PDB file of N, CA and C in Angstrom:
ATOM      1  N   MET A   1       0.820  -1.190   0.000  1.00  0.00           N
ATOM      2  CA  MET A   1       0.000   0.000   0.000  1.00  0.00           C
ATOM      3  C   MET A   1       0.866   1.258   0.000  1.00  0.00           C
ATOM      4  N   ALA A   2       1.924   1.286   0.798  1.00  0.00           N
ATOM      5  CA  ALA A   2       2.811   2.445   0.842  1.00  0.00           C
ATOM      6  C   ALA A   2       3.465   2.667  -0.517  1.00  0.00           C
ATOM      7  N   GLU A   3       3.809   1.585  -1.199  1.00  0.00           N
ATOM      8  CA  GLU A   3       4.421   1.704  -2.525  1.00  0.00           C
ATOM      9  C   GLU A   3       3.434   2.307  -3.518  1.00  0.00           C
ATOM     10  N   THR A   4       2.175   1.931  -3.408  1.00  0.00           N
ATOM     11  CA  THR A   4       1.142   2.484  -4.284  1.00  0.00           C
ATOM     12  C   THR A   4       0.992   3.979  -4.045  1.00  0.00           C
ATOM     13  N   GLN A   5       1.010   4.390  -2.785  1.00  0.00           N
ATOM     14  CA  GLN A   5       0.897   5.816  -2.458  1.00  0.00           C
ATOM     15  C   GLN A   5       2.099   6.588  -2.991  1.00  0.00           C
ATOM     16  N   THR A   6       3.281   6.010  -2.872  1.00  0.00           N
ATOM     17  CA  THR A   6       4.488   6.653  -3.389  1.00  0.00           C
ATOM     18  C   THR A   6       4.381   6.822  -4.899  1.00  0.00           C
ATOM     19  N   MET A   7       3.919   5.790  -5.580  1.00  0.00           N
ATOM     20  CA  MET A   7       3.771   5.860  -7.037  1.00  0.00           C
ATOM     21  C   MET A   7       2.734   6.910  -7.425  1.00  0.00           C
ATOM     22  N   GLU A   8       1.662   7.007  -6.668  1.00  0.00           N
ATOM     23  CA  GLU A   8       0.622   8.000  -6.959  1.00  0.00           C
ATOM     24  C   GLU A   8       1.136   9.415  -6.740  1.00  0.00           C
ATOM     25  N   ARG A   9       1.910   9.631  -5.659  1.00  0.00           N
ATOM     26  CA  ARG A   9       2.484  10.959  -5.409  1.00  0.00           C
ATOM     27  C   ARG A   9       3.454  11.330  -6.514  1.00  0.00           C
ATOM     28  N   HIS A  10       4.296  10.374  -6.910  1.00  0.00           N
ATOM     29  CA  HIS A  10       5.263  10.620  -7.980  1.00  0.00           C
ATOM     30  C   HIS A  10       4.524  10.961  -9.278  1.00  0.00           C
ATOM     31  N   ALA A  11       3.470  10.220  -9.567  1.00  0.00           N
ATOM     32  CA  ALA A  11       2.692  10.469 -10.784  1.00  0.00           C
ATOM     33  C   ALA A  11       2.060  11.858 -10.749  1.00  0.00           C
ATOM     34  N   ALA A  12       1.586  12.283  -9.584  1.00  0.00           N
ATOM     35  CA  ALA A  12       0.977  13.617  -9.461  1.00  0.00           C
ATOM     36  C   ALA A  12       2.010  14.711  -9.702  1.00  0.00           C
ATOM     37  N   VAL A  13       3.210  14.541  -9.159  1.00  0.00           N
ATOM     38  CA  VAL A  13       4.261  15.535  -9.362  1.00  0.00           C
ATOM     39  C   VAL A  13       4.692  15.538 -10.827  1.00  0.00           C
ATOM     40  N   SER A  14       4.883  14.366 -11.411  1.00  0.00           N
ATOM     41  CA  SER A  14       5.262  14.275 -12.832  1.00  0.00           C
ATOM     42  C   SER A  14       4.215  14.944 -13.714  1.00  0.00           C
ATOM     43  N   ALA A  15       2.953  14.698 -13.411  1.00  0.00           N
ATOM     44  CA  ALA A  15       1.866  15.310 -14.195  1.00  0.00           C
ATOM     45  C   ALA A  15       1.907  16.831 -14.079  1.00  0.00           C
ATOM     46  N   ALA A  16       2.194  17.344 -12.892  1.00  0.00           N
ATOM     47  CA  ALA A  16       2.282  18.798 -12.701  1.00  0.00           C
ATOM     48  C   ALA A  16       3.440  19.379 -13.509  1.00  0.00           C
ATOM     49  N   ILE A  17       4.574  18.678 -13.528  1.00  0.00           N
ATOM     50  CA  ILE A  17       5.738  19.145 -14.297  1.00  0.00           C
ATOM     51  C   ILE A  17       5.407  19.145 -15.784  1.00  0.00           C
ATOM     52  N   LEU A  18       4.836  18.051 -16.265  1.00  0.00           N
ATOM     53  CA  LEU A  18       4.494  17.953 -17.685  1.00  0.00           C
ATOM     54  C   LEU A  18       3.445  18.993 -18.083  1.00  0.00           C
ATOM     55  N   ALA A  19       2.476  19.260 -17.212  1.00  0.00           N
ATOM     56  CA  ALA A  19       1.455  20.275 -17.500  1.00  0.00           C
ATOM     57  C   ALA A  19       2.083  21.658 -17.567  1.00  0.00           C
ATOM     58  N   PHE A  20       3.025  21.948 -16.666  1.00  0.00           N
ATOM     59  CA  PHE A  20       3.721  23.233 -16.673  1.00  0.00           C
ATOM     60  C   PHE A  20       4.474  23.404 -17.998  1.00  0.00           C
ATOM     61  N   ILE A  21       5.196  22.368 -18.398  1.00  0.00           N
ATOM     62  CA  ILE A  21       5.967  22.434 -19.648  1.00  0.00           C
ATOM     63  C   ILE A  21       5.035  22.611 -20.841  1.00  0.00           C
ATOM     64  N   ALA A  22       3.921  21.895 -20.853  1.00  0.00           N
ATOM     65  CA  ALA A  22       2.961  22.011 -21.959  1.00  0.00           C
ATOM     66  C   ALA A  22       2.389  23.426 -22.028  1.00  0.00           C
ATOM     67  N   ALA A  23       2.111  24.018 -20.878  1.00  0.00           N
ATOM     68  CA  ALA A  23       1.566  25.378 -20.852  1.00  0.00           C
ATOM     69  C   ALA A  23       2.584  26.392 -21.354  1.00  0.00           C
ATOM     70  N   ARG A  24       3.867  26.164 -21.076  1.00  0.00           N
ATOM     71  CA  ARG A  24       4.923  27.076 -21.524  1.00  0.00           C
ATOM     72  C   ARG A  24       5.246  26.903 -23.005  1.00  0.00           C
ATOM     73  N   ASN A  25       4.892  25.749 -23.559  1.00  0.00           N
ATOM     74  CA  ASN A  25       5.220  25.428 -24.955  1.00  0.00           C
ATOM     75  C   ASN A  25       3.972  24.943 -25.680  1.00  0.00           C
ATOM     76  N   PRO A  26       3.009  25.829 -25.916  1.00  0.00           N
ATOM     77  CA  PRO A  26       1.724  25.382 -26.473  1.00  0.00           C
ATOM     78  C   PRO A  26       1.825  24.705 -27.839  1.00  0.00           C
ATOM     79  N   GLY A  27       2.862  24.982 -28.607  1.00  0.00           N
ATOM     80  CA  GLY A  27       2.998  24.354 -29.914  1.00  0.00           C
ATOM     81  C   GLY A  27       3.748  23.037 -29.892  1.00  0.00           C
ATOM     82  N   MET A  28       4.269  22.664 -28.740  1.00  0.00           N
ATOM     83  CA  MET A  28       5.068  21.438 -28.627  1.00  0.00           C
ATOM     84  C   MET A  28       4.167  20.211 -28.654  1.00  0.00           C
ATOM     85  N   ASP A  29       4.596  19.199 -29.368  1.00  0.00           N
ATOM     86  CA  ASP A  29       3.882  17.922 -29.410  1.00  0.00           C
ATOM     87  C   ASP A  29       3.840  17.342 -28.002  1.00  0.00           C
ATOM     88  N   ARG A  30       2.679  16.931 -27.549  1.00  0.00           N
ATOM     89  CA  ARG A  30       2.521  16.413 -26.184  1.00  0.00           C
ATOM     90  C   ARG A  30       3.417  15.213 -25.899  1.00  0.00           C
ATOM     91  N   ASP A  31       3.743  14.442 -26.932  1.00  0.00           N
ATOM     92  CA  ASP A  31       4.592  13.266 -26.751  1.00  0.00           C
ATOM     93  C   ASP A  31       6.080  13.605 -26.784  1.00  0.00           C
ATOM     94  N   ALA A  32       6.420  14.871 -26.999  1.00  0.00           N
ATOM     95  CA  ALA A  32       7.822  15.279 -27.096  1.00  0.00           C
ATOM     96  C   ALA A  32       8.517  15.267 -25.741  1.00  0.00           C
ATOM     97  N   VAL A  33       7.760  15.403 -24.669  1.00  0.00           N
ATOM     98  CA  VAL A  33       8.329  15.422 -23.323  1.00  0.00           C
ATOM     99  C   VAL A  33       7.726  14.262 -22.530  1.00  0.00           C
ATOM    100  N   THR A  34       8.608  13.429 -21.994  1.00  0.00           N
ATOM    101  CA  THR A  34       8.190  12.265 -21.202  1.00  0.00           C
ATOM    102  C   THR A  34       8.917  12.306 -19.856  1.00  0.00           C
ATOM    103  N   GLY A  35       8.696  11.304 -19.063  1.00  0.00           N
ATOM    104  CA  GLY A  35       9.385  11.204 -17.790  1.00  0.00           C
ATOM    105  C   GLY A  35      10.889  11.115 -17.933  1.00  0.00           C
ATOM    106  N   ALA A  36      11.353  10.621 -19.066  1.00  0.00           N
ATOM    107  CA  ALA A  36      12.793  10.465 -19.300  1.00  0.00           C
ATOM    108  C   ALA A  36      13.439  11.701 -19.924  1.00  0.00           C
ATOM    109  N   THR A  37      12.652  12.696 -20.288  1.00  0.00           N
ATOM    110  CA  THR A  37      13.183  13.892 -20.949  1.00  0.00           C
ATOM    111  C   THR A  37      14.066  14.697 -20.009  1.00  0.00           C
ATOM    112  N   SER A  38      15.255  15.030 -20.471  1.00  0.00           N
ATOM    113  CA  SER A  38      16.180  15.860 -19.701  1.00  0.00           C
ATOM    114  C   SER A  38      15.693  17.303 -19.727  1.00  0.00           C
ATOM    115  N   LEU A  39      15.681  17.919 -18.570  1.00  0.00           N
ATOM    116  CA  LEU A  39      15.332  19.332 -18.512  1.00  0.00           C
ATOM    117  C   LEU A  39      16.571  20.203 -18.652  1.00  0.00           C
ATOM    118  N   VAL A  40      17.737  19.560 -18.805  1.00  0.00           N
ATOM    119  CA  VAL A  40      18.998  20.268 -19.003  1.00  0.00           C
ATOM    120  C   VAL A  40      19.304  20.379 -20.495  1.00  0.00           C
ATOM    121  N   THR A  41      19.146  19.285 -21.219  1.00  0.00           N
ATOM    122  CA  THR A  41      19.569  19.268 -22.620  1.00  0.00           C
ATOM    123  C   THR A  41      18.429  19.432 -23.621  1.00  0.00           C
ATOM    124  N   SER A  42      17.193  19.298 -23.181  1.00  0.00           N
ATOM    125  CA  SER A  42      16.073  19.461 -24.119  1.00  0.00           C
ATOM    126  C   SER A  42      15.709  20.941 -24.229  1.00  0.00           C
ATOM    127  N   ASP A  43      14.832  21.229 -25.147  1.00  0.00           N
ATOM    128  CA  ASP A  43      14.335  22.595 -25.311  1.00  0.00           C
ATOM    129  C   ASP A  43      13.008  22.801 -24.576  1.00  0.00           C
ATOM    130  N   ALA A  44      12.703  21.920 -23.633  1.00  0.00           N
ATOM    131  CA  ALA A  44      11.423  21.988 -22.936  1.00  0.00           C
ATOM    132  C   ALA A  44      11.282  23.274 -22.129  1.00  0.00           C
ATOM    133  N   LEU A  45      12.373  23.718 -21.488  1.00  0.00           N
ATOM    134  CA  LEU A  45      12.354  24.939 -20.685  1.00  0.00           C
ATOM    135  C   LEU A  45      13.667  25.683 -20.834  1.00  0.00           C
ATOM    136  N   ASP A  46      13.583  27.007 -20.824  1.00  0.00           N
ATOM    137  CA  ASP A  46      14.810  27.805 -20.757  1.00  0.00           C
ATOM    138  C   ASP A  46      15.105  28.067 -19.277  1.00  0.00           C
ATOM    139  N   SER A  47      16.149  28.826 -18.984  1.00  0.00           N
ATOM    140  CA  SER A  47      16.551  29.031 -17.592  1.00  0.00           C
ATOM    141  C   SER A  47      15.467  29.735 -16.769  1.00  0.00           C
ATOM    142  N   ILE A  48      14.776  30.681 -17.370  1.00  0.00           N
ATOM    143  CA  ILE A  48      13.678  31.354 -16.659  1.00  0.00           C
ATOM    144  C   ILE A  48      12.538  30.364 -16.431  1.00  0.00           C
ATOM    145  N   GLY A  49      12.297  29.512 -17.399  1.00  0.00           N
ATOM    146  CA  GLY A  49      11.265  28.486 -17.258  1.00  0.00           C
ATOM    147  C   GLY A  49      11.553  27.543 -16.105  1.00  0.00           C
ATOM    148  N   VAL A  50      12.828  27.186 -15.924  1.00  0.00           N
ATOM    149  CA  VAL A  50      13.220  26.322 -14.812  1.00  0.00           C
ATOM    150  C   VAL A  50      12.935  27.024 -13.486  1.00  0.00           C
ATOM    151  N   LEU A  51      13.282  28.293 -13.387  1.00  0.00           N
ATOM    152  CA  LEU A  51      13.001  29.056 -12.157  1.00  0.00           C
ATOM    153  C   LEU A  51      11.505  29.118 -11.890  1.00  0.00           C
ATOM    154  N   ASP A  52      10.740  29.429 -12.932  1.00  0.00           N
ATOM    155  CA  ASP A  52       9.287  29.509 -12.785  1.00  0.00           C
ATOM    156  C   ASP A  52       8.703  28.153 -12.391  1.00  0.00           C
ATOM    157  N   LEU A  53       9.217  27.077 -12.990  1.00  0.00           N
ATOM    158  CA  LEU A  53       8.745  25.738 -12.659  1.00  0.00           C
ATOM    159  C   LEU A  53       9.001  25.432 -11.188  1.00  0.00           C
ATOM    160  N   MET A  54      10.194  25.726 -10.711  1.00  0.00           N
ATOM    161  CA  MET A  54      10.507  25.428  -9.316  1.00  0.00           C
ATOM    162  C   MET A  54       9.637  26.246  -8.373  1.00  0.00           C
ATOM    163  N   MET A  55       9.378  27.502  -8.703  1.00  0.00           N
ATOM    164  CA  MET A  55       8.498  28.327  -7.865  1.00  0.00           C
ATOM    165  C   MET A  55       7.081  27.736  -7.857  1.00  0.00           C
ATOM    166  N   ASP A  56       6.610  27.337  -9.025  1.00  0.00           N
ATOM    167  CA  ASP A  56       5.278  26.739  -9.136  1.00  0.00           C
ATOM    168  C   ASP A  56       5.192  25.461  -8.319  1.00  0.00           C
ATOM    169  N   LEU A  57       6.193  24.598  -8.434  1.00  0.00           N
ATOM    170  CA  LEU A  57       6.178  23.335  -7.700  1.00  0.00           C
ATOM    171  C   LEU A  57       6.259  23.564  -6.197  1.00  0.00           C
ATOM    172  N   GLY A  58       7.073  24.528  -5.781  1.00  0.00           N
ATOM    173  CA  GLY A  58       7.174  24.850  -4.358  1.00  0.00           C
ATOM    174  C   GLY A  58       5.845  25.308  -3.786  1.00  0.00           C
ATOM    175  N   GLU A  59       5.166  26.176  -4.522  1.00  0.00           N
ATOM    176  CA  GLU A  59       3.859  26.665  -4.073  1.00  0.00           C
ATOM    177  C   GLU A  59       2.813  25.557  -4.095  1.00  0.00           C
ATOM    178  N   ARG A  60       2.808  24.797  -5.171  1.00  0.00           N
ATOM    179  CA  ARG A  60       1.803  23.745  -5.345  1.00  0.00           C
ATOM    180  C   ARG A  60       1.941  22.633  -4.311  1.00  0.00           C
ATOM    181  N   PHE A  61       3.184  22.236  -4.023  1.00  0.00           N
ATOM    182  CA  PHE A  61       3.407  21.087  -3.149  1.00  0.00           C
ATOM    183  C   PHE A  61       3.927  21.468  -1.767  1.00  0.00           C
ATOM    184  N   GLY A  62       4.007  22.773  -1.476  1.00  0.00           N
ATOM    185  CA  GLY A  62       4.275  23.249  -0.131  1.00  0.00           C
ATOM    186  C   GLY A  62       5.666  23.001   0.415  1.00  0.00           C
ATOM    187  N   PHE A  63       6.685  23.332  -0.358  1.00  0.00           N
ATOM    188  CA  PHE A  63       8.043  23.230   0.166  1.00  0.00           C
ATOM    189  C   PHE A  63       8.829  24.467  -0.222  1.00  0.00           C
ATOM    190  N   GLU A  64       9.861  24.755   0.562  1.00  0.00           N
ATOM    191  CA  GLU A  64      10.724  25.905   0.318  1.00  0.00           C
ATOM    192  C   GLU A  64      11.766  25.568  -0.745  1.00  0.00           C
ATOM    193  N   ILE A  65      12.020  26.504  -1.631  1.00  0.00           N
ATOM    194  CA  ILE A  65      13.056  26.345  -2.646  1.00  0.00           C
ATOM    195  C   ILE A  65      14.388  26.722  -2.006  1.00  0.00           C
ATOM    196  N   GLU A  66      15.270  25.757  -1.902  1.00  0.00           N
ATOM    197  CA  GLU A  66      16.588  25.976  -1.318  1.00  0.00           C
ATOM    198  C   GLU A  66      17.645  25.839  -2.404  1.00  0.00           C
ATOM    199  N   GLU A  67      18.890  26.182  -2.055  1.00  0.00           N
ATOM    200  CA  GLU A  67      19.983  26.115  -3.037  1.00  0.00           C
ATOM    201  C   GLU A  67      20.109  24.745  -3.678  1.00  0.00           C
ATOM    202  N   ASP A  68      19.930  23.683  -2.893  1.00  0.00           N
ATOM    203  CA  ASP A  68      20.093  22.337  -3.443  1.00  0.00           C
ATOM    204  C   ASP A  68      19.062  22.013  -4.514  1.00  0.00           C
ATOM    205  N   ALA A  69      17.993  22.809  -4.594  1.00  0.00           N
ATOM    206  CA  ALA A  69      16.956  22.563  -5.589  1.00  0.00           C
ATOM    207  C   ALA A  69      17.491  22.679  -7.005  1.00  0.00           C
ATOM    208  N   PHE A  70      18.547  23.453  -7.181  1.00  0.00           N
ATOM    209  CA  PHE A  70      19.043  23.710  -8.528  1.00  0.00           C
ATOM    210  C   PHE A  70      20.256  22.864  -8.897  1.00  0.00           C
ATOM    211  N   ASP A  71      20.469  21.783  -8.164  1.00  0.00           N
ATOM    212  CA  ASP A  71      21.503  20.811  -8.512  1.00  0.00           C
ATOM    213  C   ASP A  71      21.108  20.195  -9.860  1.00  0.00           C
ATOM    214  N   LEU A  72      22.032  20.185 -10.818  1.00  0.00           N
ATOM    215  CA  LEU A  72      21.730  19.676 -12.155  1.00  0.00           C
ATOM    216  C   LEU A  72      21.212  18.244 -12.139  1.00  0.00           C
ATOM    217  N   ALA A  73      21.602  17.465 -11.153  1.00  0.00           N
ATOM    218  CA  ALA A  73      21.140  16.076 -11.075  1.00  0.00           C
ATOM    219  C   ALA A  73      19.613  15.998 -10.989  1.00  0.00           C
ATOM    220  N   HIS A  74      18.981  17.002 -10.381  1.00  0.00           N
ATOM    221  CA  HIS A  74      17.520  17.004 -10.258  1.00  0.00           C
ATOM    222  C   HIS A  74      16.840  17.254 -11.603  1.00  0.00           C
ATOM    223  N   PHE A  75      17.574  17.766 -12.564  1.00  0.00           N
ATOM    224  CA  PHE A  75      16.990  18.120 -13.852  1.00  0.00           C
ATOM    225  C   PHE A  75      17.411  17.161 -14.965  1.00  0.00           C
ATOM    226  N   GLU A  76      18.016  16.011 -14.578  1.00  0.00           N
ATOM    227  CA  GLU A  76      18.412  15.014 -15.576  1.00  0.00           C
ATOM    228  C   GLU A  76      17.205  14.481 -16.329  1.00  0.00           C
ATOM    229  N   SER A  77      16.062  14.469 -15.669  1.00  0.00           N
ATOM    230  CA  SER A  77      14.832  14.031 -16.317  1.00  0.00           C
ATOM    231  C   SER A  77      13.639  14.571 -15.534  1.00  0.00           C
ATOM    232  N   VAL A  78      12.485  14.509 -16.165  1.00  0.00           N
ATOM    233  CA  VAL A  78      11.249  14.887 -15.476  1.00  0.00           C
ATOM    234  C   VAL A  78      11.074  13.979 -14.260  1.00  0.00           C
ATOM    235  N   ASP A  79      11.344  12.680 -14.426  1.00  0.00           N
ATOM    236  CA  ASP A  79      11.208  11.737 -13.306  1.00  0.00           C
ATOM    237  C   ASP A  79      12.151  12.078 -12.165  1.00  0.00           C
ATOM    238  N   ALA A  80      13.397  12.474 -12.473  1.00  0.00           N
ATOM    239  CA  ALA A  80      14.352  12.838 -11.427  1.00  0.00           C
ATOM    240  C   ALA A  80      13.849  14.048 -10.641  1.00  0.00           C
ATOM    241  N   LEU A  81      13.318  15.028 -11.337  1.00  0.00           N
ATOM    242  CA  LEU A  81      12.786  16.208 -10.655  1.00  0.00           C
ATOM    243  C   LEU A  81      11.568  15.836  -9.824  1.00  0.00           C
ATOM    244  N   ALA A  82      10.724  14.964 -10.338  1.00  0.00           N
ATOM    245  CA  ALA A  82       9.545  14.528  -9.589  1.00  0.00           C
ATOM    246  C   ALA A  82       9.955  13.819  -8.300  1.00  0.00           C
ATOM    247  N   ARG A  83      10.995  12.989  -8.354  1.00  0.00           N
ATOM    248  CA  ARG A  83      11.480  12.315  -7.140  1.00  0.00           C
ATOM    249  C   ARG A  83      11.992  13.336  -6.130  1.00  0.00           C
ATOM    250  N   TYR A  84      12.746  14.332  -6.608  1.00  0.00           N
ATOM    251  CA  TYR A  84      13.258  15.376  -5.719  1.00  0.00           C
ATOM    252  C   TYR A  84      12.105  16.121  -5.043  1.00  0.00           C
ATOM    253  N   VAL A  85      11.144  16.569  -5.847  1.00  0.00           N
ATOM    254  CA  VAL A  85      10.015  17.344  -5.318  1.00  0.00           C
ATOM    255  C   VAL A  85       9.213  16.499  -4.334  1.00  0.00           C
ATOM    256  N   ASP A  86       8.964  15.239  -4.671  1.00  0.00           N
ATOM    257  CA  ASP A  86       8.204  14.383  -3.780  1.00  0.00           C
ATOM    258  C   ASP A  86       8.922  14.226  -2.441  1.00  0.00           C
ATOM    259  N   GLY A  87      10.237  14.088  -2.477  1.00  0.00           N
ATOM    260  CA  GLY A  87      11.016  14.001  -1.236  1.00  0.00           C
ATOM    261  C   GLY A  87      10.942  15.275  -0.427  1.00  0.00           C
ATOM    262  N   LYS A  88      11.036  16.425  -1.090  1.00  0.00           N
ATOM    263  CA  LYS A  88      10.995  17.721  -0.392  1.00  0.00           C
ATOM    264  C   LYS A  88       9.626  17.982   0.221  1.00  0.00           C
ATOM    265  N   ARG A  89       8.587  17.607  -0.471  1.00  0.00           N
ATOM    266  CA  ARG A  89       7.251  17.913   0.045  1.00  0.00           C
ATOM    267  C   ARG A  89       6.942  17.112   1.294  1.00  0.00           C
ATOM    268  N   HIS A  90       7.612  15.993   1.492  1.00  0.00           N
ATOM    269  CA  HIS A  90       7.366  15.200   2.689  1.00  0.00           C
ATOM    270  C   HIS A  90       8.291  15.587   3.831  1.00  0.00           C
ATOM    271  N   GLN A  91       9.281  16.437   3.536  1.00  0.00           N
ATOM    272  CA  GLN A  91      10.127  16.993   4.587  1.00  0.00           C
ATOM    273  C   GLN A  91       9.498  18.227   5.205  1.00  0.00           C
ATOM    274  N   ALA A  92       8.637  18.886   4.415  1.00  0.00           N
ATOM    275  CA  ALA A  92       8.026  20.154   4.848  1.00  0.00           C
ATOM    276  C   ALA A  92       7.045  19.965   5.978  1.00  0.00           C
TER     277      ALA A  92
END
């Protein structure tokens, strides 16, 4: 049961990230960004978009944006960022 809840939380965070990216890129094919998409090397977000995304996620999921939030490892993929955010929201 705990594993199911973890998967559901991760899916909710991933969905929020993908929705944010889709809203910022209305002409982008919906299948162009997946859980494996790098937020560092893809054109999904520019640097301002990354800042806006982190602010949105912090507000939405109730955690403070700290310096460690911008570690490149968190942006290796949508899934990596979702894991980071899910971990932070449960520390808050």
